[in-house]
Amino acid sequence: MVRAKNVQFPGDVTSPDKPRDPAFLKLNPSGKVPALAIDGAGAIYESAAIVMYLADRHPAAGLAPGVDDPSRGLYYQWLAHLTNTLQPAYLRYYYPDRHTANPAHAPEVQARAQEELWTIWDRIDRALADGPYLLGRRFAACDIYLHMLSTWREPVPELAARCGKVARCAELVAARPAVQRMLRQNDMAA
């Protein structure tokens, strides 16, 4: 059985200057969220790994193409691209001071990250031409990840206006009943 473990931790566990809760560090030694406790198997961390694990664990939900499905590689590609390319650019955008030894350079780090975010989002928007989802007409967990990043904190200014296909994909994901329940449960509903 897979069960999310509710571990309390003080403040932003991703901040290098704040203490980490020892109970959470047992789940994820890096101290970052999320982590998923799995009955009888410890815990896994890293967002994309959790997404892949849950999609594979619950194939009836249809969140990932089957192993023999030709679109499985594209599904992996998009999850990896979102977590390895887009998300790190957002981290530099949101936390520029963590990416320079000189705090005076933080605005330059953020400006460069914003340029990179536009390049990446524009690429994703073009890829959605056969959409409305990253796998074309097929919804998958990578679309949920896209939604999360497109609405994370404050997205790059004017993302929806500039990248209409990204906005449309995110809207379709947000309209799904399970996503609506999750947003309400986490006080994130619009």
C-alpha atoms as a PDB file:
ATOM      1  CA  MET A   1       0.000   0.000   0.000  1.00  0.00           C
ATOM      2  CA  VAL A   2       1.206   3.513  -0.776  1.00  0.00           C
ATOM      3  CA  ARG A   3       0.414   6.077   1.848  1.00  0.00           C
ATOM      4  CA  ALA A   4       1.481   9.692   2.102  1.00  0.00           C
ATOM      5  CA  LYS A   5       3.063  10.286   5.464  1.00  0.00           C
ATOM      6  CA  ASN A   6       2.193  13.578   7.088  1.00  0.00           C
ATOM      7  CA  VAL A   7       5.408  14.791   8.694  1.00  0.00           C
ATOM      8  CA  GLN A   8       5.496  18.229  10.226  1.00  0.00           C
ATOM      9  CA  PHE A   9       8.561  20.297   9.473  1.00  0.00           C
ATOM     10  CA  PRO A  10       9.423  23.899  10.291  1.00  0.00           C
ATOM     11  CA  GLY A  11       9.374  26.507   7.538  1.00  0.00           C
ATOM     12  CA  ASP A  12      10.829  26.002   4.106  1.00  0.00           C
ATOM     13  CA  VAL A  13      12.765  22.736   4.259  1.00  0.00           C
ATOM     14  CA  THR A  14      14.468  23.607   0.994  1.00  0.00           C
ATOM     15  CA  SER A  15      16.127  26.665   2.492  1.00  0.00           C
ATOM     16  CA  PRO A  16      19.775  26.002   3.352  1.00  0.00           C
ATOM     17  CA  ASP A  17      19.679  28.283   6.397  1.00  0.00           C
ATOM     18  CA  LYS A  18      16.644  26.776   8.176  1.00  0.00           C
ATOM     19  CA  PRO A  19      16.658  23.674  10.375  1.00  0.00           C
ATOM     20  CA  ARG A  20      15.210  20.453   9.028  1.00  0.00           C
ATOM     21  CA  ASP A  21      12.889  18.236  11.023  1.00  0.00           C
ATOM     22  CA  PRO A  22      14.708  14.991  11.922  1.00  0.00           C
ATOM     23  CA  ALA A  23      11.594  12.916  11.160  1.00  0.00           C
ATOM     24  CA  PHE A  24      11.426  14.360   7.661  1.00  0.00           C
ATOM     25  CA  LEU A  25      15.167  13.868   7.124  1.00  0.00           C
ATOM     26  CA  LYS A  26      14.609  10.152   7.721  1.00  0.00           C
ATOM     27  CA  LEU A  27      12.277  10.178   4.703  1.00  0.00           C
ATOM     28  CA  ASN A  28      14.436  12.445   2.554  1.00  0.00           C
ATOM     29  CA  PRO A  29      18.023  13.099   3.663  1.00  0.00           C
ATOM     30  CA  SER A  30      18.250  16.123   1.352  1.00  0.00           C
ATOM     31  CA  GLY A  31      15.478  17.781   3.368  1.00  0.00           C
ATOM     32  CA  LYS A  32      13.463  18.772   0.316  1.00  0.00           C
ATOM     33  CA  VAL A  33       9.806  18.172  -0.364  1.00  0.00           C
ATOM     34  CA  PRO A  34       8.150  16.021  -1.464  1.00  0.00           C
ATOM     35  CA  ALA A  35       8.793  12.586  -0.043  1.00  0.00           C
ATOM     36  CA  LEU A  36       6.479   9.612  -0.199  1.00  0.00           C
ATOM     37  CA  ALA A  37       6.440   7.001   2.553  1.00  0.00           C
ATOM     38  CA  ILE A  38       5.640   3.551   1.208  1.00  0.00           C
ATOM     39  CA  ASP A  39       4.399   0.920   3.637  1.00  0.00           C
ATOM     40  CA  GLY A  40       7.034  -1.759   3.955  1.00  0.00           C
ATOM     41  CA  ALA A  41       9.483  -0.088   1.564  1.00  0.00           C
ATOM     42  CA  GLY A  42      10.694   3.078   3.235  1.00  0.00           C
ATOM     43  CA  ALA A  43      10.334   6.273   1.260  1.00  0.00           C
ATOM     44  CA  ILE A  44      11.107   7.713  -2.134  1.00  0.00           C
ATOM     45  CA  TYR A  45      11.775  11.312  -2.979  1.00  0.00           C
ATOM     46  CA  GLU A  46      12.260  13.449  -6.075  1.00  0.00           C
ATOM     47  CA  SER A  47       9.027  14.686  -7.627  1.00  0.00           C
ATOM     48  CA  ALA A  48       9.362  12.954 -10.993  1.00  0.00           C
ATOM     49  CA  ALA A  49      10.291   9.645  -9.359  1.00  0.00           C
ATOM     50  CA  ILE A  50       7.171   9.858  -7.191  1.00  0.00           C
ATOM     51  CA  VAL A  51       5.038  10.666 -10.235  1.00  0.00           C
ATOM     52  CA  MET A  52       6.429   7.699 -12.201  1.00  0.00           C
ATOM     53  CA  TYR A  53       6.104   5.363  -9.242  1.00  0.00           C
ATOM     54  CA  LEU A  54       2.470   6.277  -8.584  1.00  0.00           C
ATOM     55  CA  ALA A  55       1.527   6.124 -12.275  1.00  0.00           C
ATOM     56  CA  ASP A  56       3.107   2.675 -12.599  1.00  0.00           C
ATOM     57  CA  ARG A  57       1.650   1.498  -9.311  1.00  0.00           C
ATOM     58  CA  HIS A  58      -1.876   2.430 -10.416  1.00  0.00           C
ATOM     59  CA  PRO A  59      -2.062   1.593 -14.136  1.00  0.00           C
ATOM     60  CA  ALA A  60      -5.869   1.649 -14.151  1.00  0.00           C
ATOM     61  CA  ALA A  61      -5.700   5.419 -13.575  1.00  0.00           C
ATOM     62  CA  GLY A  62      -4.203   5.790 -17.060  1.00  0.00           C
ATOM     63  CA  LEU A  63      -1.561   8.302 -15.978  1.00  0.00           C
ATOM     64  CA  ALA A  64       1.255   6.726 -17.988  1.00  0.00           C
ATOM     65  CA  PRO A  65       1.489   4.850 -21.262  1.00  0.00           C
ATOM     66  CA  GLY A  66       2.177   1.149 -20.811  1.00  0.00           C
ATOM     67  CA  VAL A  67       5.726  -0.112 -21.005  1.00  0.00           C
ATOM     68  CA  ASP A  68       5.139  -1.439 -24.533  1.00  0.00           C
ATOM     69  CA  ASP A  69       3.350   1.720 -25.704  1.00  0.00           C
ATOM     70  CA  PRO A  70       5.444   3.732 -28.209  1.00  0.00           C
ATOM     71  CA  SER A  71       4.555   6.967 -26.375  1.00  0.00           C
ATOM     72  CA  ARG A  72       6.206   5.712 -23.159  1.00  0.00           C
ATOM     73  CA  GLY A  73       9.514   7.285 -24.203  1.00  0.00           C
ATOM     74  CA  LEU A  74       7.852  10.641 -24.856  1.00  0.00           C
ATOM     75  CA  TYR A  75       6.217  10.433 -21.423  1.00  0.00           C
ATOM     76  CA  TYR A  76       9.644   9.884 -19.823  1.00  0.00           C
ATOM     77  CA  GLN A  77      11.121  12.658 -21.942  1.00  0.00           C
ATOM     78  CA  TRP A  78       8.594  15.236 -20.771  1.00  0.00           C
ATOM     79  CA  LEU A  79       8.835  14.294 -17.107  1.00  0.00           C
ATOM     80  CA  ALA A  80      12.627  14.476 -17.287  1.00  0.00           C
ATOM     81  CA  HIS A  81      12.552  17.769 -19.196  1.00  0.00           C
ATOM     82  CA  LEU A  82      10.133  19.363 -16.759  1.00  0.00           C
ATOM     83  CA  THR A  83      12.049  18.259 -13.684  1.00  0.00           C
ATOM     84  CA  ASN A  84      15.624  18.603 -15.015  1.00  0.00           C
ATOM     85  CA  THR A  85      15.344  21.655 -17.250  1.00  0.00           C
ATOM     86  CA  LEU A  86      12.292  23.756 -16.402  1.00  0.00           C
ATOM     87  CA  GLN A  87      12.195  23.287 -12.636  1.00  0.00           C
ATOM     88  CA  PRO A  88      15.872  24.225 -12.055  1.00  0.00           C
ATOM     89  CA  ALA A  89      15.344  27.408 -14.084  1.00  0.00           C
ATOM     90  CA  TYR A  90      12.429  28.248 -11.799  1.00  0.00           C
ATOM     91  CA  LEU A  91      14.620  27.639  -8.753  1.00  0.00           C
ATOM     92  CA  ARG A  92      17.136  30.162 -10.088  1.00  0.00           C
ATOM     93  CA  TYR A  93      14.256  32.565 -10.808  1.00  0.00           C
ATOM     94  CA  TYR A  94      12.633  32.216  -7.365  1.00  0.00           C
ATOM     95  CA  TYR A  95      15.840  31.917  -5.334  1.00  0.00           C
ATOM     96  CA  PRO A  96      18.539  33.816  -7.252  1.00  0.00           C
ATOM     97  CA  ASP A  97      20.498  34.523  -4.077  1.00  0.00           C
ATOM     98  CA  ARG A  98      21.162  30.786  -3.684  1.00  0.00           C
ATOM     99  CA  HIS A  99      22.892  30.698  -7.074  1.00  0.00           C
ATOM    100  CA  THR A 100      25.573  33.294  -6.572  1.00  0.00           C
ATOM    101  CA  ALA A 101      28.274  33.941  -4.017  1.00  0.00           C
ATOM    102  CA  ASN A 102      27.694  37.679  -4.349  1.00  0.00           C
ATOM    103  CA  PRO A 103      24.179  38.819  -3.313  1.00  0.00           C
ATOM    104  CA  ALA A 104      24.559  41.857  -5.556  1.00  0.00           C
ATOM    105  CA  HIS A 105      24.419  39.504  -8.554  1.00  0.00           C
ATOM    106  CA  ALA A 106      21.070  37.951  -7.571  1.00  0.00           C
ATOM    107  CA  PRO A 107      19.070  40.268  -9.889  1.00  0.00           C
ATOM    108  CA  GLU A 108      21.297  39.206 -12.808  1.00  0.00           C
ATOM    109  CA  VAL A 109      20.799  35.520 -11.951  1.00  0.00           C
ATOM    110  CA  GLN A 110      17.037  36.061 -11.836  1.00  0.00           C
ATOM    111  CA  ALA A 111      16.987  37.976 -15.130  1.00  0.00           C
ATOM    112  CA  ARG A 112      18.965  35.219 -16.855  1.00  0.00           C
ATOM    113  CA  ALA A 113      16.674  32.587 -15.369  1.00  0.00           C
ATOM    114  CA  GLN A 114      13.645  34.457 -16.707  1.00  0.00           C
ATOM    115  CA  GLU A 115      15.161  34.466 -20.201  1.00  0.00           C
ATOM    116  CA  GLU A 116      15.785  30.729 -19.893  1.00  0.00           C
ATOM    117  CA  LEU A 117      12.226  30.149 -18.653  1.00  0.00           C
ATOM    118  CA  TRP A 118      10.843  31.896 -21.742  1.00  0.00           C
ATOM    119  CA  THR A 119      12.994  29.757 -24.012  1.00  0.00           C
ATOM    120  CA  ILE A 120      11.835  26.566 -22.301  1.00  0.00           C
ATOM    121  CA  TRP A 121       8.151  27.538 -22.118  1.00  0.00           C
ATOM    122  CA  ASP A 122       8.177  28.606 -25.775  1.00  0.00           C
ATOM    123  CA  ARG A 123       9.625  25.184 -26.694  1.00  0.00           C
ATOM    124  CA  ILE A 124       6.940  23.415 -24.655  1.00  0.00           C
ATOM    125  CA  ASP A 125       4.226  25.594 -26.191  1.00  0.00           C
ATOM    126  CA  ARG A 126       5.380  24.589 -29.689  1.00  0.00           C
ATOM    127  CA  ALA A 127       5.409  20.921 -28.649  1.00  0.00           C
ATOM    128  CA  LEU A 128       1.782  21.211 -27.568  1.00  0.00           C
ATOM    129  CA  ALA A 129       0.715  22.016 -31.163  1.00  0.00           C
ATOM    130  CA  ASP A 130      -0.523  18.429 -31.555  1.00  0.00           C
ATOM    131  CA  GLY A 131      -2.061  18.602 -28.055  1.00  0.00           C
ATOM    132  CA  PRO A 132      -3.840  19.637 -26.039  1.00  0.00           C
ATOM    133  CA  TYR A 133      -1.507  17.477 -23.913  1.00  0.00           C
ATOM    134  CA  LEU A 134       2.199  16.706 -24.009  1.00  0.00           C
ATOM    135  CA  LEU A 135       1.376  13.270 -25.471  1.00  0.00           C
ATOM    136  CA  GLY A 136      -0.994  14.767 -28.015  1.00  0.00           C
ATOM    137  CA  ARG A 137      -4.611  13.898 -27.309  1.00  0.00           C
ATOM    138  CA  ARG A 138      -3.661  11.618 -24.421  1.00  0.00           C
ATOM    139  CA  PHE A 139      -3.615  12.975 -20.869  1.00  0.00           C
ATOM    140  CA  ALA A 140      -0.754  11.717 -18.688  1.00  0.00           C
ATOM    141  CA  ALA A 141       0.993  12.450 -15.409  1.00  0.00           C
ATOM    142  CA  CYS A 142       3.515  14.672 -17.216  1.00  0.00           C
ATOM    143  CA  ASP A 143       0.622  17.076 -17.867  1.00  0.00           C
ATOM    144  CA  ILE A 144      -0.009  17.264 -14.117  1.00  0.00           C
ATOM    145  CA  TYR A 145       3.658  18.140 -13.663  1.00  0.00           C
ATOM    146  CA  LEU A 146       3.335  20.838 -16.344  1.00  0.00           C
ATOM    147  CA  HIS A 147       0.309  22.235 -14.491  1.00  0.00           C
ATOM    148  CA  MET A 148       2.241  22.327 -11.222  1.00  0.00           C
ATOM    149  CA  LEU A 149       5.149  24.218 -12.755  1.00  0.00           C
ATOM    150  CA  SER A 150       2.931  26.609 -14.714  1.00  0.00           C
ATOM    151  CA  THR A 151       1.129  27.614 -11.522  1.00  0.00           C
ATOM    152  CA  TRP A 152       3.984  27.225  -9.013  1.00  0.00           C
ATOM    153  CA  ARG A 153       4.255  30.269  -6.799  1.00  0.00           C
ATOM    154  CA  GLU A 154       4.017  33.113  -9.271  1.00  0.00           C
ATOM    155  CA  PRO A 155       4.802  31.893 -12.779  1.00  0.00           C
ATOM    156  CA  VAL A 156       6.879  34.040 -15.087  1.00  0.00           C
ATOM    157  CA  PRO A 157       4.874  37.149 -15.846  1.00  0.00           C
ATOM    158  CA  GLU A 158       2.436  36.831 -18.737  1.00  0.00           C
ATOM    159  CA  LEU A 159       2.991  33.084 -19.201  1.00  0.00           C
ATOM    160  CA  ALA A 160      -0.653  32.451 -20.106  1.00  0.00           C
ATOM    161  CA  ALA A 161      -0.734  35.300 -22.618  1.00  0.00           C
ATOM    162  CA  ARG A 162       2.536  34.340 -24.273  1.00  0.00           C
ATOM    163  CA  CYS A 163       2.155  30.551 -24.254  1.00  0.00           C
ATOM    164  CA  GLY A 164      -1.494  29.876 -25.009  1.00  0.00           C
ATOM    165  CA  LYS A 165      -1.085  26.136 -25.560  1.00  0.00           C
ATOM    166  CA  VAL A 166       0.648  25.774 -22.191  1.00  0.00           C
ATOM    167  CA  ALA A 167      -2.179  27.752 -20.585  1.00  0.00           C
ATOM    168  CA  ARG A 168      -4.776  25.547 -22.283  1.00  0.00           C
ATOM    169  CA  CYS A 169      -3.075  22.340 -21.123  1.00  0.00           C
ATOM    170  CA  ALA A 170      -2.846  23.685 -17.557  1.00  0.00           C
ATOM    171  CA  GLU A 171      -6.535  24.690 -17.644  1.00  0.00           C
ATOM    172  CA  LEU A 172      -7.569  21.229 -18.824  1.00  0.00           C
ATOM    173  CA  VAL A 173      -5.527  19.601 -16.060  1.00  0.00           C
ATOM    174  CA  ALA A 174      -6.939  21.982 -13.437  1.00  0.00           C
ATOM    175  CA  ALA A 175     -10.491  21.140 -14.547  1.00  0.00           C
ATOM    176  CA  ARG A 176     -10.058  17.411 -13.906  1.00  0.00           C
ATOM    177  CA  PRO A 177     -12.122  16.275 -10.886  1.00  0.00           C
ATOM    178  CA  ALA A 178      -9.181  14.664  -9.073  1.00  0.00           C
ATOM    179  CA  VAL A 179      -7.070  17.803  -9.527  1.00  0.00           C
ATOM    180  CA  GLN A 180      -9.966  19.950  -8.313  1.00  0.00           C
ATOM    181  CA  ARG A 181     -10.205  17.780  -5.159  1.00  0.00           C
ATOM    182  CA  MET A 182      -6.481  18.085  -4.549  1.00  0.00           C
ATOM    183  CA  LEU A 183      -6.554  21.857  -5.037  1.00  0.00           C
ATOM    184  CA  ARG A 184      -9.460  22.206  -2.575  1.00  0.00           C
ATOM    185  CA  GLN A 185      -7.793  19.909  -0.029  1.00  0.00           C
ATOM    186  CA  ASN A 186      -4.680  22.089  -0.148  1.00  0.00           C
ATOM    187  CA  ASP A 187      -6.537  25.427  -0.172  1.00  0.00           C
ATOM    188  CA  MET A 188      -5.286  26.124  -3.673  1.00  0.00           C
ATOM    189  CA  ALA A 189      -8.576  26.198  -5.590  1.00  0.00           C
ATOM    190  CA  ALA A 190      -9.087  29.296  -7.728  1.00  0.00           C
END
